[in-house]
C-alpha cells in the first residue's frame, strides 16, 4: 500500500516504511526525486529481506520544497 499525503505544515518531506520485521522513518531532501525514493526503498528491502508492506509519504508544502 502506498499513501501519498500533501502536508501543509512547514515540516520537510517524510517517509515511513513498514516491513514485516519492523518499521522506520526518514526525511527526504528537498531535491529528492521519486527515483531516489525508489532506490532507497529497494536498498532498505534488501536489509529487511523483503518488500515494504506499507509506504507512507508526507510531502512538504510546495513553498517549503523550493
C-alpha atoms as a PDB file:
ATOM      1  CA  UNK A   1       0.000   0.000   0.000  1.00  0.00           C
ATOM      2  CA  UNK A   2       1.363   3.424  -0.949  1.00  0.00           C
ATOM      3  CA  UNK A   3      -0.079   6.518   0.693  1.00  0.00           C
ATOM      4  CA  UNK A   4       0.954   9.974  -0.513  1.00  0.00           C
ATOM      5  CA  UNK A   5      -0.150  12.975   1.526  1.00  0.00           C
ATOM      6  CA  UNK A   6       0.389  16.655   0.910  1.00  0.00           C
ATOM      7  CA  UNK A   7       1.289  18.123   4.289  1.00  0.00           C
ATOM      8  CA  UNK A   8       0.621  21.874   4.582  1.00  0.00           C
ATOM      9  CA  UNK A   9       2.850  22.294   7.634  1.00  0.00           C
ATOM     10  CA  UNK A  10       6.421  23.584   7.453  1.00  0.00           C
ATOM     11  CA  UNK A  11       7.975  20.170   8.063  1.00  0.00           C
ATOM     12  CA  UNK A  12      10.273  18.530   5.495  1.00  0.00           C
ATOM     13  CA  UNK A  13       9.053  15.602   3.426  1.00  0.00           C
ATOM     14  CA  UNK A  14       8.955  12.393   5.460  1.00  0.00           C
ATOM     15  CA  UNK A  15       8.697   8.739   4.514  1.00  0.00           C
ATOM     16  CA  UNK A  16       7.534   5.966   6.850  1.00  0.00           C
ATOM     17  CA  UNK A  17       8.085   2.403   5.692  1.00  0.00           C
ATOM     18  CA  UNK A  18       6.774  -0.760   7.356  1.00  0.00           C
ATOM     19  CA  UNK A  19       8.274  -4.177   6.711  1.00  0.00           C
ATOM     20  CA  UNK A  20       7.169  -7.478   8.196  1.00  0.00           C
ATOM     21  CA  UNK A  21      10.062  -7.255  10.674  1.00  0.00           C
ATOM     22  CA  UNK A  22       9.671  -3.595  11.681  1.00  0.00           C
ATOM     23  CA  UNK A  23       9.195  -0.009  10.541  1.00  0.00           C
ATOM     24  CA  UNK A  24      11.361   3.051  10.055  1.00  0.00           C
ATOM     25  CA  UNK A  25      11.017   6.682   9.126  1.00  0.00           C
ATOM     26  CA  UNK A  26      13.315   9.091   7.308  1.00  0.00           C
ATOM     27  CA  UNK A  27      13.327  12.589   5.838  1.00  0.00           C
ATOM     28  CA  UNK A  28      13.665  13.296   2.128  1.00  0.00           C
ATOM     29  CA  UNK A  29      15.945  16.032   0.872  1.00  0.00           C
ATOM     30  CA  UNK A  30      14.290  18.939  -0.920  1.00  0.00           C
ATOM     31  CA  UNK A  31      15.672  17.834  -4.279  1.00  0.00           C
ATOM     32  CA  UNK A  32      14.845  14.112  -3.923  1.00  0.00           C
ATOM     33  CA  UNK A  33      13.002  12.503  -6.820  1.00  0.00           C
ATOM     34  CA  UNK A  34      10.662   9.522  -6.813  1.00  0.00           C
ATOM     35  CA  UNK A  35      13.514   7.605  -8.443  1.00  0.00           C
ATOM     36  CA  UNK A  36      15.712   8.445  -5.417  1.00  0.00           C
ATOM     37  CA  UNK A  37      12.926   7.238  -3.139  1.00  0.00           C
ATOM     38  CA  UNK A  38      12.518   4.004  -5.121  1.00  0.00           C
ATOM     39  CA  UNK A  39      16.274   3.331  -4.939  1.00  0.00           C
ATOM     40  CA  UNK A  40      16.299   3.884  -1.186  1.00  0.00           C
ATOM     41  CA  UNK A  41      13.274   1.635  -0.680  1.00  0.00           C
ATOM     42  CA  UNK A  42      14.983  -1.046  -2.767  1.00  0.00           C
ATOM     43  CA  UNK A  43      18.115  -0.916  -0.576  1.00  0.00           C
ATOM     44  CA  UNK A  44      16.000  -0.998   2.594  1.00  0.00           C
ATOM     45  CA  UNK A  45      14.123  -4.026   1.249  1.00  0.00           C
ATOM     46  CA  UNK A  46      17.433  -5.863   0.881  1.00  0.00           C
ATOM     47  CA  UNK A  47      18.312  -5.070   4.511  1.00  0.00           C
ATOM     48  CA  UNK A  48      14.896  -6.203   5.750  1.00  0.00           C
ATOM     49  CA  UNK A  49      14.785  -9.219   3.402  1.00  0.00           C
ATOM     50  CA  UNK A  50      11.509  -8.289   1.815  1.00  0.00           C
ATOM     51  CA  UNK A  51       9.427  -5.649   0.164  1.00  0.00           C
ATOM     52  CA  UNK A  52       7.684  -2.955   2.206  1.00  0.00           C
ATOM     53  CA  UNK A  53       4.203  -3.768   3.460  1.00  0.00           C
ATOM     54  CA  UNK A  54       3.221  -0.085   3.816  1.00  0.00           C
ATOM     55  CA  UNK A  55       4.824   3.106   2.491  1.00  0.00           C
ATOM     56  CA  UNK A  56       3.584   6.480   3.664  1.00  0.00           C
ATOM     57  CA  UNK A  57       4.955   9.657   2.075  1.00  0.00           C
ATOM     58  CA  UNK A  58       4.203  13.089   3.512  1.00  0.00           C
ATOM     59  CA  UNK A  59       5.386  15.728   1.068  1.00  0.00           C
ATOM     60  CA  UNK A  60       6.410  19.180   2.228  1.00  0.00           C
ATOM     61  CA  UNK A  61       4.266  22.065   1.045  1.00  0.00           C
ATOM     62  CA  UNK A  62       5.365  23.413  -2.356  1.00  0.00           C
ATOM     63  CA  UNK A  63       6.666  26.700  -0.947  1.00  0.00           C
ATOM     64  CA  UNK A  64       8.791  24.727   1.584  1.00  0.00           C
ATOM     65  CA  UNK A  65      10.228  22.416  -1.053  1.00  0.00           C
ATOM     66  CA  UNK A  66      11.779  25.225  -3.091  1.00  0.00           C
END
